[in-house]
Amino acid sequence: MDFQIDMIEDKVEFFEASDLKTLEKKINEQIEVNKAILLSVHSVSHQMQFDENGRPYYSAVVHFKAKK
């Protein structure tokens, strides 16, 4: 059996929440998890929309890259 380990160089993750505080908490928790596999934040993109009931809905995309 052949076993090979490759480094993760890029990783994109998506987050969503009904308020900014929760969205920020989710992103910060994942940043800590990704530090363990030597990934750091490369870029963040976020949006806010209103749902059908008029409540705000927040989403974000975080691009993690390997530390060099």
PDB file of N, CA and C in Angstrom:
ATOM      1  N   MET A   1       0.853  -1.179   0.000  1.00  0.00           N
ATOM      2  CA  MET A   1       0.000   0.000   0.000  1.00  0.00           C
ATOM      3  C   MET A   1       0.898   1.240   0.000  1.00  0.00           C
ATOM      4  N   ASP A   2       0.595   2.161  -0.885  1.00  0.00           N
ATOM      5  CA  ASP A   2       1.369   3.397  -1.018  1.00  0.00           C
ATOM      6  C   ASP A   2       0.653   4.516  -0.267  1.00  0.00           C
ATOM      7  N   PHE A   3       1.358   5.159   0.633  1.00  0.00           N
ATOM      8  CA  PHE A   3       0.786   6.248   1.428  1.00  0.00           C
ATOM      9  C   PHE A   3       1.572   7.516   1.142  1.00  0.00           C
ATOM     10  N   GLN A   4       0.874   8.559   0.713  1.00  0.00           N
ATOM     11  CA  GLN A   4       1.550   9.802   0.357  1.00  0.00           C
ATOM     12  C   GLN A   4       0.840  10.975   1.032  1.00  0.00           C
ATOM     13  N   ILE A   5       1.623  11.882   1.601  1.00  0.00           N
ATOM     14  CA  ILE A   5       1.077  13.064   2.264  1.00  0.00           C
ATOM     15  C   ILE A   5       1.432  14.293   1.434  1.00  0.00           C
ATOM     16  N   ASP A   6       0.425  15.070   1.065  1.00  0.00           N
ATOM     17  CA  ASP A   6       0.630  16.314   0.327  1.00  0.00           C
ATOM     18  C   ASP A   6       0.230  17.489   1.211  1.00  0.00           C
ATOM     19  N   MET A   7       0.957  18.565   1.066  1.00  0.00           N
ATOM     20  CA  MET A   7       0.623  19.798   1.796  1.00  0.00           C
ATOM     21  C   MET A   7      -0.562  20.486   1.142  1.00  0.00           C
ATOM     22  N   ILE A   8      -1.455  21.004   1.947  1.00  0.00           N
ATOM     23  CA  ILE A   8      -2.547  21.821   1.432  1.00  0.00           C
ATOM     24  C   ILE A   8      -1.986  23.222   1.227  1.00  0.00           C
ATOM     25  N   GLU A   9      -2.079  23.735   0.010  1.00  0.00           N
ATOM     26  CA  GLU A   9      -1.540  25.055  -0.277  1.00  0.00           C
ATOM     27  C   GLU A   9      -2.610  26.129  -0.328  1.00  0.00           C
ATOM     28  N   ASP A  10      -3.790  25.773  -0.786  1.00  0.00           N
ATOM     29  CA  ASP A  10      -4.914  26.706  -0.871  1.00  0.00           C
ATOM     30  C   ASP A  10      -6.169  26.036  -0.342  1.00  0.00           C
ATOM     31  N   LYS A  11      -6.992  26.845   0.317  1.00  0.00           N
ATOM     32  CA  LYS A  11      -8.246  26.333   0.845  1.00  0.00           C
ATOM     33  C   LYS A  11      -9.231  27.493   0.880  1.00  0.00           C
ATOM     34  N   VAL A  12     -10.427  27.288   0.365  1.00  0.00           N
ATOM     35  CA  VAL A  12     -11.459  28.316   0.373  1.00  0.00           C
ATOM     36  C   VAL A  12     -12.616  27.802   1.213  1.00  0.00           C
ATOM     37  N   GLU A  13     -13.063  28.632   2.167  1.00  0.00           N
ATOM     38  CA  GLU A  13     -14.168  28.232   3.029  1.00  0.00           C
ATOM     39  C   GLU A  13     -15.256  29.296   3.003  1.00  0.00           C
ATOM     40  N   PHE A  14     -16.497  28.830   3.154  1.00  0.00           N
ATOM     41  CA  PHE A  14     -17.666  29.699   3.101  1.00  0.00           C
ATOM     42  C   PHE A  14     -18.354  29.707   4.462  1.00  0.00           C
ATOM     43  N   PHE A  15     -18.812  30.879   4.875  1.00  0.00           N
ATOM     44  CA  PHE A  15     -19.455  31.050   6.171  1.00  0.00           C
ATOM     45  C   PHE A  15     -20.739  31.841   5.999  1.00  0.00           C
ATOM     46  N   GLU A  16     -21.715  31.590   6.882  1.00  0.00           N
ATOM     47  CA  GLU A  16     -22.957  32.349   6.860  1.00  0.00           C
ATOM     48  C   GLU A  16     -23.504  32.475   8.272  1.00  0.00           C
ATOM     49  N   ALA A  17     -24.216  33.578   8.510  1.00  0.00           N
ATOM     50  CA  ALA A  17     -24.796  33.822   9.828  1.00  0.00           C
ATOM     51  C   ALA A  17     -25.866  34.901   9.718  1.00  0.00           C
ATOM     52  N   SER A  18     -26.673  34.999  10.761  1.00  0.00           N
ATOM     53  CA  SER A  18     -27.740  35.999  10.766  1.00  0.00           C
ATOM     54  C   SER A  18     -27.287  37.318  11.385  1.00  0.00           C
ATOM     55  N   ASP A  19     -26.064  37.347  11.964  1.00  0.00           N
ATOM     56  CA  ASP A  19     -25.521  38.608  12.486  1.00  0.00           C
ATOM     57  C   ASP A  19     -24.001  38.604  12.350  1.00  0.00           C
ATOM     58  N   LEU A  20     -23.437  39.803  12.343  1.00  0.00           N
ATOM     59  CA  LEU A  20     -21.994  39.941  12.123  1.00  0.00           C
ATOM     60  C   LEU A  20     -21.152  39.307  13.224  1.00  0.00           C
ATOM     61  N   LYS A  21     -21.622  39.411  14.460  1.00  0.00           N
ATOM     62  CA  LYS A  21     -20.857  38.868  15.582  1.00  0.00           C
ATOM     63  C   LYS A  21     -20.684  37.349  15.445  1.00  0.00           C
ATOM     64  N   THR A  22     -21.752  36.674  15.061  1.00  0.00           N
ATOM     65  CA  THR A  22     -21.691  35.229  14.875  1.00  0.00           C
ATOM     66  C   THR A  22     -20.801  34.867  13.691  1.00  0.00           C
ATOM     67  N   LEU A  23     -20.912  35.625  12.609  1.00  0.00           N
ATOM     68  CA  LEU A  23     -20.074  35.389  11.435  1.00  0.00           C
ATOM     69  C   LEU A  23     -18.601  35.541  11.788  1.00  0.00           C
ATOM     70  N   GLU A  24     -18.274  36.594  12.512  1.00  0.00           N
ATOM     71  CA  GLU A  24     -16.891  36.824  12.919  1.00  0.00           C
ATOM     72  C   GLU A  24     -16.385  35.699  13.811  1.00  0.00           C
ATOM     73  N   LYS A  25     -17.227  35.219  14.718  1.00  0.00           N
ATOM     74  CA  LYS A  25     -16.832  34.131  15.615  1.00  0.00           C
ATOM     75  C   LYS A  25     -16.532  32.858  14.828  1.00  0.00           C
ATOM     76  N   LYS A  26     -17.395  32.533  13.854  1.00  0.00           N
ATOM     77  CA  LYS A  26     -17.175  31.342  13.036  1.00  0.00           C
ATOM     78  C   LYS A  26     -15.856  31.435  12.260  1.00  0.00           C
ATOM     79  N   ILE A  27     -15.603  32.593  11.685  1.00  0.00           N
ATOM     80  CA  ILE A  27     -14.371  32.782  10.911  1.00  0.00           C
ATOM     81  C   ILE A  27     -13.149  32.677  11.823  1.00  0.00           C
ATOM     82  N   ASN A  28     -13.187  33.326  12.981  1.00  0.00           N
ATOM     83  CA  ASN A  28     -12.055  33.275  13.911  1.00  0.00           C
ATOM     84  C   ASN A  28     -11.768  31.858  14.401  1.00  0.00           C
ATOM     85  N   GLU A  29     -12.825  31.084  14.645  1.00  0.00           N
ATOM     86  CA  GLU A  29     -12.629  29.697  15.069  1.00  0.00           C
ATOM     87  C   GLU A  29     -11.935  28.896  13.974  1.00  0.00           C
ATOM     88  N   GLN A  30     -12.320  29.111  12.728  1.00  0.00           N
ATOM     89  CA  GLN A  30     -11.712  28.372  11.631  1.00  0.00           C
ATOM     90  C   GLN A  30     -10.281  28.827  11.354  1.00  0.00           C
ATOM     91  N   ILE A  31     -10.006  30.094  11.606  1.00  0.00           N
ATOM     92  CA  ILE A  31      -8.626  30.579  11.471  1.00  0.00           C
ATOM     93  C   ILE A  31      -7.714  29.808  12.422  1.00  0.00           C
ATOM     94  N   GLU A  32      -8.167  29.610  13.638  1.00  0.00           N
ATOM     95  CA  GLU A  32      -7.364  28.861  14.619  1.00  0.00           C
ATOM     96  C   GLU A  32      -7.165  27.416  14.183  1.00  0.00           C
ATOM     97  N   VAL A  33      -8.207  26.793  13.645  1.00  0.00           N
ATOM     98  CA  VAL A  33      -8.089  25.410  13.160  1.00  0.00           C
ATOM     99  C   VAL A  33      -7.082  25.337  12.027  1.00  0.00           C
ATOM    100  N   ASN A  34      -7.149  26.285  11.099  1.00  0.00           N
ATOM    101  CA  ASN A  34      -6.264  26.255   9.940  1.00  0.00           C
ATOM    102  C   ASN A  34      -4.820  26.622  10.272  1.00  0.00           C
ATOM    103  N   LYS A  35      -4.606  27.307  11.383  1.00  0.00           N
ATOM    104  CA  LYS A  35      -3.231  27.572  11.813  1.00  0.00           C
ATOM    105  C   LYS A  35      -2.500  26.264  12.100  1.00  0.00           C
ATOM    106  N   ALA A  36      -3.245  25.276  12.591  1.00  0.00           N
ATOM    107  CA  ALA A  36      -2.640  23.978  12.921  1.00  0.00           C
ATOM    108  C   ALA A  36      -2.116  23.269  11.681  1.00  0.00           C
ATOM    109  N   ILE A  37      -2.682  23.560  10.515  1.00  0.00           N
ATOM    110  CA  ILE A  37      -2.193  22.948   9.277  1.00  0.00           C
ATOM    111  C   ILE A  37      -1.423  23.973   8.438  1.00  0.00           C
ATOM    112  N   LEU A  38      -0.918  24.998   9.127  1.00  0.00           N
ATOM    113  CA  LEU A  38      -0.016  26.005   8.557  1.00  0.00           C
ATOM    114  C   LEU A  38      -0.630  26.823   7.423  1.00  0.00           C
ATOM    115  N   LEU A  39      -1.912  27.138   7.561  1.00  0.00           N
ATOM    116  CA  LEU A  39      -2.575  28.007   6.598  1.00  0.00           C
ATOM    117  C   LEU A  39      -2.892  29.341   7.260  1.00  0.00           C
ATOM    118  N   SER A  40      -2.742  30.421   6.513  1.00  0.00           N
ATOM    119  CA  SER A  40      -3.089  31.748   7.018  1.00  0.00           C
ATOM    120  C   SER A  40      -4.076  32.403   6.054  1.00  0.00           C
ATOM    121  N   VAL A  41      -4.733  33.438   6.511  1.00  0.00           N
ATOM    122  CA  VAL A  41      -5.744  34.121   5.701  1.00  0.00           C
ATOM    123  C   VAL A  41      -5.055  34.904   4.590  1.00  0.00           C
ATOM    124  N   HIS A  42      -5.484  34.664   3.370  1.00  0.00           N
ATOM    125  CA  HIS A  42      -4.980  35.397   2.208  1.00  0.00           C
ATOM    126  C   HIS A  42      -5.937  36.523   1.834  1.00  0.00           C
ATOM    127  N   SER A  43      -7.238  36.230   1.845  1.00  0.00           N
ATOM    128  CA  SER A  43      -8.224  37.267   1.535  1.00  0.00           C
ATOM    129  C   SER A  43      -9.580  36.893   2.122  1.00  0.00           C
ATOM    130  N   VAL A  44     -10.402  37.925   2.309  1.00  0.00           N
ATOM    131  CA  VAL A  44     -11.756  37.751   2.826  1.00  0.00           C
ATOM    132  C   VAL A  44     -12.697  38.590   1.964  1.00  0.00           C
ATOM    133  N   SER A  45     -13.817  37.994   1.600  1.00  0.00           N
ATOM    134  CA  SER A  45     -14.855  38.706   0.864  1.00  0.00           C
ATOM    135  C   SER A  45     -16.166  38.470   1.602  1.00  0.00           C
ATOM    136  N   HIS A  46     -16.963  39.509   1.748  1.00  0.00           N
ATOM    137  CA  HIS A  46     -18.212  39.334   2.493  1.00  0.00           C
ATOM    138  C   HIS A  46     -19.353  40.076   1.825  1.00  0.00           C
ATOM    139  N   GLN A  47     -20.573  39.639   2.140  1.00  0.00           N
ATOM    140  CA  GLN A  47     -21.789  40.255   1.610  1.00  0.00           C
ATOM    141  C   GLN A  47     -22.862  40.277   2.675  1.00  0.00           C
ATOM    142  N   MET A  48     -23.799  41.194   2.498  1.00  0.00           N
ATOM    143  CA  MET A  48     -24.979  41.248   3.354  1.00  0.00           C
ATOM    144  C   MET A  48     -26.188  41.373   2.447  1.00  0.00           C
ATOM    145  N   GLN A  49     -27.192  40.559   2.718  1.00  0.00           N
ATOM    146  CA  GLN A  49     -28.451  40.607   1.985  1.00  0.00           C
ATOM    147  C   GLN A  49     -29.584  40.572   2.990  1.00  0.00           C
ATOM    148  N   PHE A  50     -30.772  40.860   2.512  1.00  0.00           N
ATOM    149  CA  PHE A  50     -31.959  40.733   3.347  1.00  0.00           C
ATOM    150  C   PHE A  50     -32.740  39.515   2.885  1.00  0.00           C
ATOM    151  N   ASP A  51     -33.219  38.720   3.851  1.00  0.00           N
ATOM    152  CA  ASP A  51     -34.026  37.562   3.477  1.00  0.00           C
ATOM    153  C   ASP A  51     -35.457  38.005   3.173  1.00  0.00           C
ATOM    154  N   GLU A  52     -36.322  37.049   2.890  1.00  0.00           N
ATOM    155  CA  GLU A  52     -37.689  37.369   2.501  1.00  0.00           C
ATOM    156  C   GLU A  52     -38.498  38.045   3.609  1.00  0.00           C
ATOM    157  N   ASN A  53     -38.023  37.948   4.845  1.00  0.00           N
ATOM    158  CA  ASN A  53     -38.702  38.584   5.983  1.00  0.00           C
ATOM    159  C   ASN A  53     -38.066  39.926   6.350  1.00  0.00           C
ATOM    160  N   GLY A  54     -37.092  40.373   5.568  1.00  0.00           N
ATOM    161  CA  GLY A  54     -36.448  41.653   5.830  1.00  0.00           C
ATOM    162  C   GLY A  54     -35.321  41.616   6.837  1.00  0.00           C
ATOM    163  N   ARG A  55     -34.943  40.426   7.266  1.00  0.00           N
ATOM    164  CA  ARG A  55     -33.838  40.291   8.224  1.00  0.00           C
ATOM    165  C   ARG A  55     -32.512  40.218   7.475  1.00  0.00           C
ATOM    166  N   PRO A  56     -31.460  40.800   8.041  1.00  0.00           N
ATOM    167  CA  PRO A  56     -30.157  40.738   7.367  1.00  0.00           C
ATOM    168  C   PRO A  56     -29.581  39.323   7.401  1.00  0.00           C
ATOM    169  N   TYR A  57     -28.848  38.991   6.358  1.00  0.00           N
ATOM    170  CA  TYR A  57     -28.207  37.688   6.211  1.00  0.00           C
ATOM    171  C   TYR A  57     -26.779  37.949   5.738  1.00  0.00           C
ATOM    172  N   TYR A  58     -25.798  37.497   6.499  1.00  0.00           N
ATOM    173  CA  TYR A  58     -24.400  37.781   6.220  1.00  0.00           C
ATOM    174  C   TYR A  58     -23.690  36.516   5.724  1.00  0.00           C
ATOM    175  N   SER A  59     -22.816  36.684   4.752  1.00  0.00           N
ATOM    176  CA  SER A  59     -22.011  35.565   4.270  1.00  0.00           C
ATOM    177  C   SER A  59     -20.593  36.061   3.995  1.00  0.00           C
ATOM    178  N   ALA A  60     -19.662  35.121   4.034  1.00  0.00           N
ATOM    179  CA  ALA A  60     -18.257  35.466   3.784  1.00  0.00           C
ATOM    180  C   ALA A  60     -17.549  34.288   3.132  1.00  0.00           C
ATOM    181  N   VAL A  61     -16.548  34.627   2.338  1.00  0.00           N
ATOM    182  CA  VAL A  61     -15.662  33.641   1.726  1.00  0.00           C
ATOM    183  C   VAL A  61     -14.257  33.990   2.196  1.00  0.00           C
ATOM    184  N   VAL A  62     -13.572  33.014   2.767  1.00  0.00           N
ATOM    185  CA  VAL A  62     -12.208  33.231   3.259  1.00  0.00           C
ATOM    186  C   VAL A  62     -11.269  32.307   2.491  1.00  0.00           C
ATOM    187  N   HIS A  63     -10.236  32.909   1.899  1.00  0.00           N
ATOM    188  CA  HIS A  63      -9.229  32.162   1.156  1.00  0.00           C
ATOM    189  C   HIS A  63      -8.006  32.018   2.057  1.00  0.00           C
ATOM    190  N   PHE A  64      -7.661  30.781   2.365  1.00  0.00           N
ATOM    191  CA  PHE A  64      -6.488  30.477   3.171  1.00  0.00           C
ATOM    192  C   PHE A  64      -5.374  30.006   2.246  1.00  0.00           C
ATOM    193  N   LYS A  65      -4.144  30.412   2.550  1.00  0.00           N
ATOM    194  CA  LYS A  65      -2.977  29.980   1.773  1.00  0.00           C
ATOM    195  C   LYS A  65      -1.897  29.475   2.728  1.00  0.00           C
ATOM    196  N   ALA A  66      -1.063  28.615   2.199  1.00  0.00           N
ATOM    197  CA  ALA A  66       0.036  28.063   2.997  1.00  0.00           C
ATOM    198  C   ALA A  66       1.034  29.170   3.336  1.00  0.00           C
ATOM    199  N   LYS A  67       1.538  29.095   4.554  1.00  0.00           N
ATOM    200  CA  LYS A  67       2.581  30.034   4.978  1.00  0.00           C
ATOM    201  C   LYS A  67       3.879  29.653   4.305  1.00  0.00           C
ATOM    202  N   LYS A  68       4.565  30.642   3.793  1.00  0.00           N
ATOM    203  CA  LYS A  68       5.849  30.363   3.116  1.00  0.00           C
ATOM    204  C   LYS A  68       7.005  30.765   3.983  1.00  0.00           C
TER     205      LYS A  68
END
